[in-house]
Amino acid sequence: MESFFWQVNDDYIKSLNMLSKKLRFAQVDPLLNASKALKDIKQELERLRKKALSKVSAYVIGIFSSMRKPGTNIQILQQNLLQKYRHLVLFLKEHGIEKYNDVCAAYVDKMNKVLSEDFRVYLEALESLKLDIGVSTDVIGYDANVVDLIPRGREQLRNHRFMFSLGERSNILKEIDQPGLVPCISEANSLKYPYEVIFRSLQKLLMDTASSEYIFIKAFFRDESMFYRVFEGPVAVIDENMKLTLANSHDAICLMLMICITKKHQLVMSNRRLPCLDTYLDKALIYLWPRFKTVFDMYIQSLYQCDAKMLWVDGTHPHHIVRCYMEFTASLIQLNAECGDGQEAGEEAKELRRYFEEKLESNLVSFVDELLMEYFGDLIKFVKNHISEDLISYTECPNIADVEPVVKNFAVKWRTALELMHNEVVTCCSNFVSGGSSLNRNLVSITSISYEIRKYSRTL
């Protein structure tokens, strides 16, 4: 190898370029081919051609062999060494296609094995960092493990890693092109990650490696098809891991995040103007969407099979299965807003949304009426008994003996009653928007009733 480095230097490359010009000239000029002068040197040119082909191919293949040495930075080797000698490969391609094919085959073989092993090792290291979030029994309404599911569901609802809640997991979409995980550092700090973080790191490494390799092959060999042969092995390693992981994945939020990550990585590669991973990224989506549909259907089916009475806890808090469903729905809506294709929901979905909003409104009205009747029942009954529904006339003649105890009772307890109502709303409404709306409705109703009492009192 050292003799090759000594012989194949700048002077040798200049001589090789001169030989290439002479060979090219001898091949394209028909008059020269018929001349006696060419016949005298043709044999010598052929000898030099064969010797150069043998030396150049051996030299380049020797460099490729060094890529398998542990600790070799292949990208630096490509940039600093191979790019310098790309004219050697062009000489092989022009004057010795068989030797050129041998060199290409050697490069494909070496790089395929090196990159396949690198990705296999990286994947094994990443697997040790995986945080298990959900299994098949953790679907929304699954009731086979009732005793364990209820307390665990409540505890994990407060944890943003919970498989039905997006929470801080959405931050990964803002870090889409950040450097990937370094397993040794994560292990040293005892860190674990949801699978979408591992998936993003793996695809980040694949994108950067593929981009560098594609650019190098295109410049050095001028044959883009070689890239796909080089990456057959690495992609096969990743595909095998993905199929195994997806088969055991029951975390729909993770699957949707993986879909969003893949779509954003498609955009990254498009911005780089590199088509080398188009097929892989399309295939990744083909794997992910059906699995998401399967897990999503499991969630829905579990709701149908769930016996809500069997899992009932109390009547003041939303059931944790309902909260799971709402967290999950809100997460999908948020991800669709960030990564969706912009298509509007169908008519059935719109009708379902309208029905839900109407149902929510009617339940809020009933809830407010019950609260008011509980804490201000005597006041409401008085207004209904003495004031007409149009709030203009009175059903009977005003009497101070009737109104005085009602007003005094209201003056004494209204502040305490409002505090109790506030506490009950906070307890019953985990959603602050709905809770705030209920409180506002209560205050408006109380204000309206107080106003009518004041009007009534003035007539006495």
Protein backbone atom coordinates (compact mmCIF):
# COMPACT_ATOMS: atom_id res chain seq x y z
CA MET A 1 0.00 0.00 0.00
CA GLU A 2 2.83 2.37 0.86
CA SER A 3 4.39 1.80 -2.58
CA PHE A 4 1.09 2.83 -4.15
CA PHE A 5 1.04 6.07 -2.22
CA TRP A 6 4.64 6.73 -3.27
CA GLN A 7 3.93 6.07 -6.94
CA VAL A 8 0.42 7.50 -7.32
CA ASN A 9 1.16 11.16 -6.66
CA ASP A 10 0.55 14.41 -8.52
CA ASP A 11 3.28 13.64 -11.06
CA TYR A 12 1.82 10.21 -11.70
CA ILE A 13 -1.65 11.72 -12.23
CA LYS A 14 -0.22 14.21 -14.73
CA SER A 15 1.44 11.37 -16.63
CA LEU A 16 -1.81 9.42 -16.50
CA ASN A 17 -3.71 12.37 -17.97
CA MET A 18 -1.17 12.60 -20.80
CA LEU A 19 -1.57 8.89 -21.51
CA SER A 20 -5.35 9.30 -21.49
CA LYS A 21 -5.15 12.09 -24.08
CA LYS A 22 -2.93 9.99 -26.36
CA LEU A 23 -5.21 6.98 -26.07
CA ARG A 24 -8.23 9.13 -26.77
CA PHE A 25 -6.54 10.78 -29.76
CA ALA A 26 -5.53 7.44 -31.20
CA GLN A 27 -9.07 6.14 -30.90
CA VAL A 28 -10.93 9.04 -32.49
CA ASP A 29 -8.64 10.03 -35.41
CA PRO A 30 -9.19 7.61 -38.37
CA LEU A 31 -6.18 8.97 -40.30
CA LEU A 32 -3.90 8.32 -37.35
CA ASN A 33 -5.19 4.77 -37.05
CA ALA A 34 -4.06 4.07 -40.62
CA SER A 35 -0.63 5.65 -40.18
CA LYS A 36 2.59 3.67 -39.83
CA ALA A 37 3.67 5.86 -36.89
CA LEU A 38 0.74 4.66 -34.76
CA LYS A 39 1.42 1.06 -35.64
CA ASP A 40 4.95 1.49 -34.28
CA ILE A 41 3.75 2.82 -30.87
CA LYS A 42 0.33 1.15 -30.61
CA GLN A 43 1.73 -1.87 -28.83
CA GLU A 44 3.56 0.34 -26.32
CA LEU A 45 0.41 2.42 -25.69
CA GLU A 46 -1.53 -0.77 -25.01
CA ARG A 47 1.14 -1.97 -22.58
CA LEU A 48 1.05 1.36 -20.74
CA ARG A 49 -2.75 1.29 -20.67
CA LYS A 50 -2.88 -2.17 -19.11
CA LYS A 51 -0.18 -1.34 -16.59
CA ALA A 52 -1.93 1.90 -15.62
CA LEU A 53 -5.27 0.13 -15.30
CA SER A 54 -3.77 -2.54 -13.07
CA LYS A 55 -1.93 -0.06 -10.85
CA VAL A 56 -4.81 2.42 -10.55
CA SER A 57 -7.44 -0.23 -9.81
CA ALA A 58 -5.21 -1.88 -7.18
CA TYR A 59 -4.50 1.50 -5.60
CA VAL A 60 -8.14 2.56 -5.41
CA ILE A 61 -9.30 -0.85 -4.13
CA GLY A 62 -6.57 -0.64 -1.50
CA ILE A 63 -8.03 2.64 -0.28
CA PHE A 64 -11.49 1.07 -0.14
CA SER A 65 -10.12 -1.77 1.99
CA SER A 66 -8.85 0.73 4.56
CA MET A 67 -12.44 1.89 5.11
CA ARG A 68 -13.14 -1.26 7.11
CA LYS A 69 -10.52 -0.47 9.72
CA PRO A 70 -12.04 0.43 13.11
CA GLY A 71 -12.18 4.14 13.84
CA THR A 72 -11.96 5.19 10.19
CA ASN A 73 -13.88 8.39 9.45
CA ILE A 74 -15.18 7.49 6.03
CA GLN A 75 -16.50 10.93 5.14
CA ILE A 76 -13.16 12.61 5.85
CA LEU A 77 -11.38 9.89 3.88
CA GLN A 78 -13.75 10.45 0.97
CA GLN A 79 -13.35 14.22 1.02
CA ASN A 80 -9.59 14.45 1.56
CA LEU A 81 -8.29 11.44 -0.34
CA LEU A 82 -10.71 10.00 -2.86
CA GLN A 83 -11.85 13.35 -4.22
CA LYS A 84 -8.21 14.13 -4.92
CA TYR A 85 -7.89 11.02 -7.06
CA ARG A 86 -11.25 11.01 -8.84
CA HIS A 87 -9.36 11.34 -12.14
CA LEU A 88 -8.06 7.82 -11.57
CA VAL A 89 -11.59 6.45 -11.62
CA LEU A 90 -12.43 8.51 -14.70
CA PHE A 91 -9.38 6.97 -16.41
CA LEU A 92 -10.64 3.49 -15.54
CA LYS A 93 -14.13 4.30 -16.78
CA GLU A 94 -12.88 5.63 -20.11
CA HIS A 95 -10.08 3.19 -20.90
CA GLY A 96 -10.82 0.01 -18.93
CA ILE A 97 -14.50 -0.57 -18.27
CA GLU A 98 -13.88 -4.04 -16.79
CA LYS A 99 -11.43 -2.66 -14.23
CA TYR A 100 -13.84 0.20 -13.56
CA ASN A 101 -16.64 -2.27 -12.86
CA ASP A 102 -14.33 -4.20 -10.52
CA VAL A 103 -13.54 -1.00 -8.62
CA CYS A 104 -17.22 -0.08 -8.39
CA ALA A 105 -18.11 -3.57 -7.18
CA ALA A 106 -15.35 -3.39 -4.56
CA TYR A 107 -16.59 -0.02 -3.33
CA VAL A 108 -20.21 -1.16 -3.18
CA ASP A 109 -19.25 -4.32 -1.30
CA LYS A 110 -17.05 -2.53 1.24
CA MET A 111 -19.41 0.37 1.91
CA ASN A 112 -22.48 -1.84 2.04
CA LYS A 113 -20.88 -3.96 4.77
CA VAL A 114 -19.41 -1.02 6.69
CA LEU A 115 -22.60 1.05 6.73
CA SER A 116 -24.81 -1.96 7.48
CA GLU A 117 -22.70 -2.78 10.52
CA ASP A 118 -22.60 0.86 11.63
CA PHE A 119 -26.39 1.15 11.53
CA ARG A 120 -26.83 -2.22 13.22
CA VAL A 121 -24.57 -1.17 16.10
CA TYR A 122 -26.28 2.23 16.39
CA LEU A 123 -29.71 0.60 16.43
CA GLU A 124 -28.70 -1.83 19.17
CA ALA A 125 -27.41 1.07 21.25
CA LEU A 126 -30.61 3.06 20.70
CA GLU A 127 -32.79 0.11 21.71
CA SER A 128 -31.31 0.23 25.20
CA LEU A 129 -32.57 3.83 25.51
CA LYS A 130 -36.17 3.06 24.59
CA LEU A 131 -38.88 4.00 27.06
CA ASP A 132 -41.79 1.55 26.95
CA ILE A 133 -44.98 3.60 26.98
CA GLY A 134 -47.82 1.26 26.02
CA VAL A 135 -48.70 -2.38 25.42
CA SER A 136 -51.75 -4.03 23.89
CA THR A 137 -53.64 -3.99 27.21
CA ASP A 138 -53.27 -0.22 27.56
CA VAL A 139 -55.89 0.73 24.98
CA ILE A 140 -58.44 3.33 26.05
CA GLY A 141 -61.28 1.16 27.29
CA TYR A 142 -59.60 -2.17 27.84
CA ASP A 143 -61.12 -3.67 30.99
CA ALA A 144 -59.25 -6.93 31.57
CA ASN A 145 -56.97 -5.32 34.14
CA VAL A 146 -59.53 -3.15 35.89
CA VAL A 147 -57.83 -3.07 39.27
CA ASP A 148 -54.53 -1.92 37.81
CA LEU A 149 -55.81 0.32 35.01
CA ILE A 150 -57.72 2.90 37.07
CA PRO A 151 -54.94 4.10 39.41
CA ARG A 152 -52.34 3.80 36.69
CA GLY A 153 -54.48 5.80 34.28
CA ARG A 154 -54.92 8.62 36.78
CA GLU A 155 -51.24 8.73 37.59
CA GLN A 156 -50.11 8.68 33.98
CA LEU A 157 -52.63 11.32 32.93
CA ARG A 158 -50.46 13.71 34.94
CA ASN A 159 -47.42 12.48 33.01
CA HIS A 160 -46.88 13.88 29.50
CA ARG A 161 -45.36 10.56 28.46
CA PHE A 162 -48.75 8.92 28.77
CA MET A 163 -49.62 7.13 25.56
CA PHE A 164 -52.88 9.05 24.99
CA SER A 165 -51.45 12.51 25.61
CA LEU A 166 -49.20 14.51 23.30
CA GLY A 167 -47.91 17.02 25.85
CA GLU A 168 -44.22 17.81 25.53
CA ARG A 169 -43.70 14.98 23.05
CA SER A 170 -44.68 17.42 20.31
CA ASN A 171 -41.41 19.31 20.91
CA ILE A 172 -39.63 16.75 18.77
CA LEU A 173 -41.25 18.28 15.68
CA LYS A 174 -39.43 21.54 16.47
CA GLU A 175 -36.09 19.68 16.71
CA ILE A 176 -36.49 17.78 13.46
CA ASP A 177 -33.02 18.55 12.06
CA GLN A 178 -31.11 18.67 15.35
CA PRO A 179 -28.22 16.22 15.96
CA GLY A 180 -29.30 12.71 16.93
CA LEU A 181 -28.83 10.92 20.23
CA VAL A 182 -25.36 9.86 21.37
CA PRO A 183 -26.12 6.55 23.14
CA CYS A 184 -23.07 6.50 25.42
CA ILE A 185 -23.92 9.96 26.80
CA SER A 186 -27.58 9.06 27.31
CA GLU A 187 -26.65 5.81 29.07
CA ALA A 188 -24.21 7.62 31.34
CA ASN A 189 -27.05 9.93 32.40
CA SER A 190 -29.58 7.05 32.70
CA LEU A 191 -31.89 8.69 30.15
CA LYS A 192 -34.78 6.94 28.42
CA TYR A 193 -36.76 8.23 25.44
CA PRO A 194 -40.10 7.54 23.73
CA TYR A 195 -39.60 5.62 20.52
CA GLU A 196 -40.29 8.64 18.29
CA VAL A 197 -37.09 10.25 19.66
CA ILE A 198 -35.11 7.14 18.77
CA PHE A 199 -36.78 7.02 15.35
CA ARG A 200 -35.88 10.64 14.62
CA SER A 201 -32.24 10.07 15.63
CA LEU A 202 -32.01 7.01 13.40
CA GLN A 203 -33.49 8.81 10.41
CA LYS A 204 -31.29 11.85 11.06
CA LEU A 205 -28.20 9.64 10.87
CA LEU A 206 -29.57 7.98 7.73
CA MET A 207 -30.29 11.33 6.06
CA ASP A 208 -26.86 12.78 6.80
CA THR A 209 -25.01 9.59 5.83
CA ALA A 210 -27.05 9.14 2.67
CA SER A 211 -26.64 12.79 1.66
CA SER A 212 -22.87 12.65 2.04
CA GLU A 213 -22.62 9.31 0.25
CA TYR A 214 -24.88 10.36 -2.62
CA ILE A 215 -22.92 13.55 -3.24
CA PHE A 216 -19.62 11.66 -3.12
CA ILE A 217 -20.71 8.86 -5.48
CA LYS A 218 -22.17 11.34 -7.94
CA ALA A 219 -18.92 13.34 -8.02
CA PHE A 220 -16.43 10.47 -7.82
CA PHE A 221 -18.00 7.69 -9.89
CA ARG A 222 -20.55 9.76 -11.82
CA ASP A 223 -22.96 6.87 -11.42
CA GLU A 224 -25.92 7.59 -9.13
CA SER A 225 -27.20 4.02 -9.36
CA MET A 226 -24.26 2.90 -7.21
CA PHE A 227 -25.76 4.72 -4.24
CA TYR A 228 -28.79 2.44 -4.14
CA ARG A 229 -26.59 -0.67 -4.24
CA VAL A 230 -24.47 0.71 -1.40
CA PHE A 231 -27.53 1.39 0.75
CA GLU A 232 -29.33 -1.88 0.13
CA GLY A 233 -27.77 -3.28 3.31
CA PRO A 234 -28.31 -0.30 5.64
CA VAL A 235 -31.91 0.15 4.49
CA ALA A 236 -32.56 -3.57 4.99
CA VAL A 237 -31.24 -3.31 8.57
CA ILE A 238 -33.52 -0.34 9.27
CA ASP A 239 -36.53 -1.96 7.57
CA GLU A 240 -36.13 -5.12 9.64
CA ASN A 241 -35.98 -3.11 12.85
CA MET A 242 -38.97 -0.97 11.87
CA LYS A 243 -41.16 -3.97 11.03
CA LEU A 244 -40.33 -5.61 14.37
CA THR A 245 -40.95 -2.39 16.29
CA LEU A 246 -44.22 -1.55 14.56
CA ALA A 247 -45.58 -5.05 15.12
CA ASN A 248 -45.23 -4.50 18.88
CA SER A 249 -46.23 -0.82 18.97
CA HIS A 250 -49.57 0.16 20.51
CA ASP A 251 -48.81 3.85 21.04
CA ALA A 252 -50.88 5.71 18.45
CA ILE A 253 -49.40 9.09 19.43
CA CYS A 254 -45.91 7.72 18.80
CA LEU A 255 -46.98 6.33 15.41
CA MET A 256 -48.51 9.65 14.36
CA LEU A 257 -45.38 11.50 15.51
CA MET A 258 -43.29 9.09 13.42
CA ILE A 259 -45.48 9.90 10.42
CA CYS A 260 -45.03 13.63 11.04
CA ILE A 261 -41.26 13.18 11.47
CA THR A 262 -41.04 11.28 8.19
CA LYS A 263 -43.01 13.97 6.35
CA LYS A 264 -40.73 16.66 7.75
CA HIS A 265 -37.67 14.64 6.78
CA GLN A 266 -39.05 14.44 3.25
CA LEU A 267 -39.12 18.24 3.29
CA VAL A 268 -35.54 18.37 4.60
CA MET A 269 -34.31 16.14 1.77
CA SER A 270 -36.32 18.17 -0.72
CA ASN A 271 -34.66 21.36 0.52
CA ARG A 272 -31.29 19.66 0.11
CA ARG A 273 -32.38 18.79 -3.45
CA LEU A 274 -31.32 15.19 -2.98
CA PRO A 275 -33.68 12.46 -4.25
CA CYS A 276 -31.66 9.57 -2.82
CA LEU A 277 -34.06 8.71 0.05
CA ASP A 278 -37.36 9.33 -1.74
CA THR A 279 -38.12 5.61 -2.03
CA TYR A 280 -37.14 4.85 1.56
CA LEU A 281 -39.20 7.69 3.07
CA ASP A 282 -42.23 6.77 0.95
CA LYS A 283 -41.89 3.16 2.08
CA ALA A 284 -41.62 4.27 5.72
CA LEU A 285 -44.99 6.01 5.41
CA ILE A 286 -46.43 2.90 3.77
CA TYR A 287 -45.36 0.95 6.87
CA LEU A 288 -46.55 3.55 9.37
CA TRP A 289 -50.04 4.44 8.14
CA PRO A 290 -51.52 0.90 8.23
CA ARG A 291 -50.09 0.29 11.70
CA PHE A 292 -51.54 3.57 12.94
CA LYS A 293 -54.92 2.58 11.48
CA THR A 294 -54.72 -0.81 13.24
CA VAL A 295 -53.87 0.71 16.63
CA PHE A 296 -56.47 3.47 16.18
CA ASP A 297 -59.13 0.83 15.46
CA MET A 298 -58.02 -1.02 18.61
CA TYR A 299 -58.61 2.14 20.63
CA ILE A 300 -62.09 2.62 19.16
CA GLN A 301 -62.99 -1.05 19.58
CA SER A 302 -61.88 -0.95 23.20
CA LEU A 303 -64.38 1.85 23.83
CA TYR A 304 -67.21 -0.27 22.45
CA GLN A 305 -66.18 -3.20 24.62
CA CYS A 306 -65.66 -1.16 27.78
CA ASP A 307 -68.22 -1.43 30.59
CA ALA A 308 -68.26 2.11 32.00
CA LYS A 309 -70.39 1.06 35.00
CA MET A 310 -67.82 -1.52 35.95
CA LEU A 311 -65.06 1.09 35.95
CA TRP A 312 -67.07 3.85 37.64
CA VAL A 313 -65.21 5.70 40.41
CA ASP A 314 -67.38 8.60 41.55
CA GLY A 315 -69.84 11.12 40.18
CA THR A 316 -67.84 14.32 40.54
CA HIS A 317 -64.84 13.72 38.30
CA PRO A 318 -64.71 12.88 34.59
CA HIS A 319 -63.98 9.18 34.22
CA HIS A 320 -60.32 8.66 33.39
CA ILE A 321 -61.26 6.70 30.25
CA VAL A 322 -63.18 9.75 29.03
CA ARG A 323 -60.13 11.87 29.77
CA CYS A 324 -57.96 9.38 27.86
CA TYR A 325 -60.23 9.68 24.85
CA MET A 326 -60.30 13.47 24.99
CA GLU A 327 -56.52 13.71 25.44
CA PHE A 328 -56.06 11.39 22.48
CA THR A 329 -58.51 13.30 20.29
CA ALA A 330 -56.93 16.65 21.16
CA SER A 331 -53.47 15.24 20.40
CA LEU A 332 -54.52 14.05 16.94
CA ILE A 333 -56.16 17.40 16.18
CA GLN A 334 -52.97 19.22 17.16
CA LEU A 335 -50.77 16.93 15.08
CA ASN A 336 -53.10 17.25 12.11
CA ALA A 337 -52.85 21.04 12.37
CA GLU A 338 -49.04 20.84 12.38
CA CYS A 339 -48.48 18.05 9.86
CA GLY A 340 -51.78 17.48 8.09
CA ASP A 341 -52.32 17.78 4.37
CA GLY A 342 -54.76 20.67 4.73
CA GLN A 343 -57.84 18.65 3.76
CA GLU A 344 -61.05 19.54 5.53
CA ALA A 345 -63.00 16.98 7.51
CA GLY A 346 -65.82 15.17 5.73
CA GLU A 347 -69.51 15.92 6.25
CA GLU A 348 -69.89 13.09 8.78
CA ALA A 349 -67.05 14.48 10.88
CA LYS A 350 -68.52 17.98 10.69
CA GLU A 351 -71.93 16.67 11.71
CA LEU A 352 -70.37 14.79 14.63
CA ARG A 353 -68.60 17.95 15.74
CA ARG A 354 -71.83 19.97 15.57
CA TYR A 355 -73.64 17.31 17.58
CA PHE A 356 -70.90 17.29 20.22
CA GLU A 357 -70.93 21.09 20.54
CA GLU A 358 -74.71 21.11 20.90
CA LYS A 359 -74.55 18.34 23.49
CA LEU A 360 -71.84 20.17 25.40
CA GLU A 361 -73.90 23.37 25.36
CA SER A 362 -77.06 21.65 26.65
CA ASN A 363 -75.13 19.88 29.41
CA LEU A 364 -73.49 23.13 30.47
CA VAL A 365 -76.91 24.77 30.73
CA SER A 366 -78.21 21.87 32.84
CA PHE A 367 -75.11 21.96 35.03
CA VAL A 368 -75.49 25.71 35.63
CA ASP A 369 -79.20 25.34 36.43
CA GLU A 370 -78.49 22.60 38.98
CA LEU A 371 -75.78 24.66 40.68
CA LEU A 372 -78.00 27.73 40.88
CA MET A 373 -80.88 25.70 42.26
CA GLU A 374 -78.62 24.12 44.88
CA TYR A 375 -77.16 27.35 46.24
CA PHE A 376 -79.78 29.96 45.33
CA GLY A 377 -82.91 27.82 45.12
CA ASP A 378 -85.12 30.06 47.28
CA LEU A 379 -84.20 33.11 45.21
CA ILE A 380 -84.93 31.36 41.91
CA LYS A 381 -88.24 29.97 43.17
CA PHE A 382 -89.29 33.43 44.34
CA VAL A 383 -88.56 34.97 40.95
CA LYS A 384 -90.43 32.19 39.14
CA ASN A 385 -93.44 32.49 41.46
CA HIS A 386 -93.72 36.27 41.50
CA ILE A 387 -92.36 37.45 38.15
CA SER A 388 -93.74 36.49 34.75
CA GLU A 389 -91.61 34.71 32.19
CA ASP A 390 -91.36 37.86 30.06
CA LEU A 391 -89.66 39.57 33.08
CA ILE A 392 -91.93 42.62 32.57
CA SER A 393 -95.06 42.07 34.67
CA TYR A 394 -95.70 40.42 38.05
CA THR A 395 -97.86 37.35 38.60
CA GLU A 396 -99.21 38.75 41.88
CA CYS A 397 -99.18 41.98 43.85
CA PRO A 398 -95.78 42.72 45.46
CA ASN A 399 -95.63 41.99 49.20
CA ILE A 400 -92.77 43.07 51.48
CA ALA A 401 -93.31 40.10 53.79
CA ASP A 402 -92.54 37.74 50.91
CA VAL A 403 -89.46 39.44 49.54
CA GLU A 404 -87.71 40.52 52.78
CA PRO A 405 -86.53 37.06 54.00
CA VAL A 406 -85.35 36.12 50.51
CA VAL A 407 -83.26 39.27 50.15
CA LYS A 408 -81.80 38.98 53.67
CA ASN A 409 -80.86 35.34 53.10
CA PHE A 410 -79.18 36.23 49.81
CA ALA A 411 -77.22 39.08 51.43
CA VAL A 412 -75.88 36.73 54.11
CA LYS A 413 -74.84 33.73 52.04
CA TRP A 414 -74.06 34.93 48.49
CA ARG A 415 -70.28 35.21 49.00
CA THR A 416 -69.97 31.76 50.60
CA ALA A 417 -72.28 30.28 47.97
CA LEU A 418 -70.14 31.64 45.14
CA GLU A 419 -67.01 30.14 46.69
CA LEU A 420 -68.71 26.76 47.04
CA MET A 421 -69.91 26.96 43.44
CA HIS A 422 -66.41 27.81 42.28
CA ASN A 423 -64.96 24.82 44.12
CA GLU A 424 -67.56 22.49 42.67
CA VAL A 425 -66.97 23.75 39.13
CA VAL A 426 -63.21 23.26 39.50
CA THR A 427 -63.79 19.76 40.86
CA CYS A 428 -66.22 18.69 38.16
CA CYS A 429 -64.65 20.44 35.16
CA SER A 430 -61.07 19.36 34.49
CA ASN A 431 -61.14 21.53 31.38
CA PHE A 432 -60.53 25.12 32.49
CA VAL A 433 -62.28 26.57 29.43
CA SER A 434 -65.51 24.69 30.15
CA GLY A 435 -65.17 25.42 33.86
CA GLY A 436 -64.67 29.12 33.24
CA SER A 437 -67.66 29.17 30.93
CA SER A 438 -69.81 27.55 33.64
CA LEU A 439 -68.72 30.10 36.24
CA ASN A 440 -69.44 32.98 33.88
CA ARG A 441 -72.92 31.62 33.18
CA ASN A 442 -73.59 31.28 36.91
CA LEU A 443 -72.51 34.85 37.60
CA VAL A 444 -74.61 36.20 34.73
CA SER A 445 -77.67 34.30 35.96
CA ILE A 446 -77.19 35.47 39.55
CA THR A 447 -76.76 39.06 38.38
CA SER A 448 -79.92 38.83 36.30
CA ILE A 449 -81.93 37.38 39.20
CA SER A 450 -80.61 40.03 41.60
CA TYR A 451 -81.63 42.73 39.15
CA GLU A 452 -85.18 41.37 38.97
CA ILE A 453 -85.39 41.22 42.77
CA ARG A 454 -84.30 44.86 42.97
CA LYS A 455 -86.92 45.86 40.41
CA TYR A 456 -89.54 43.94 42.32
CA SER A 457 -88.53 45.56 45.62
CA ARG A 458 -88.91 49.07 44.20
CA THR A 459 -92.59 48.46 43.57
CA LEU A 460 -93.28 47.88 47.25
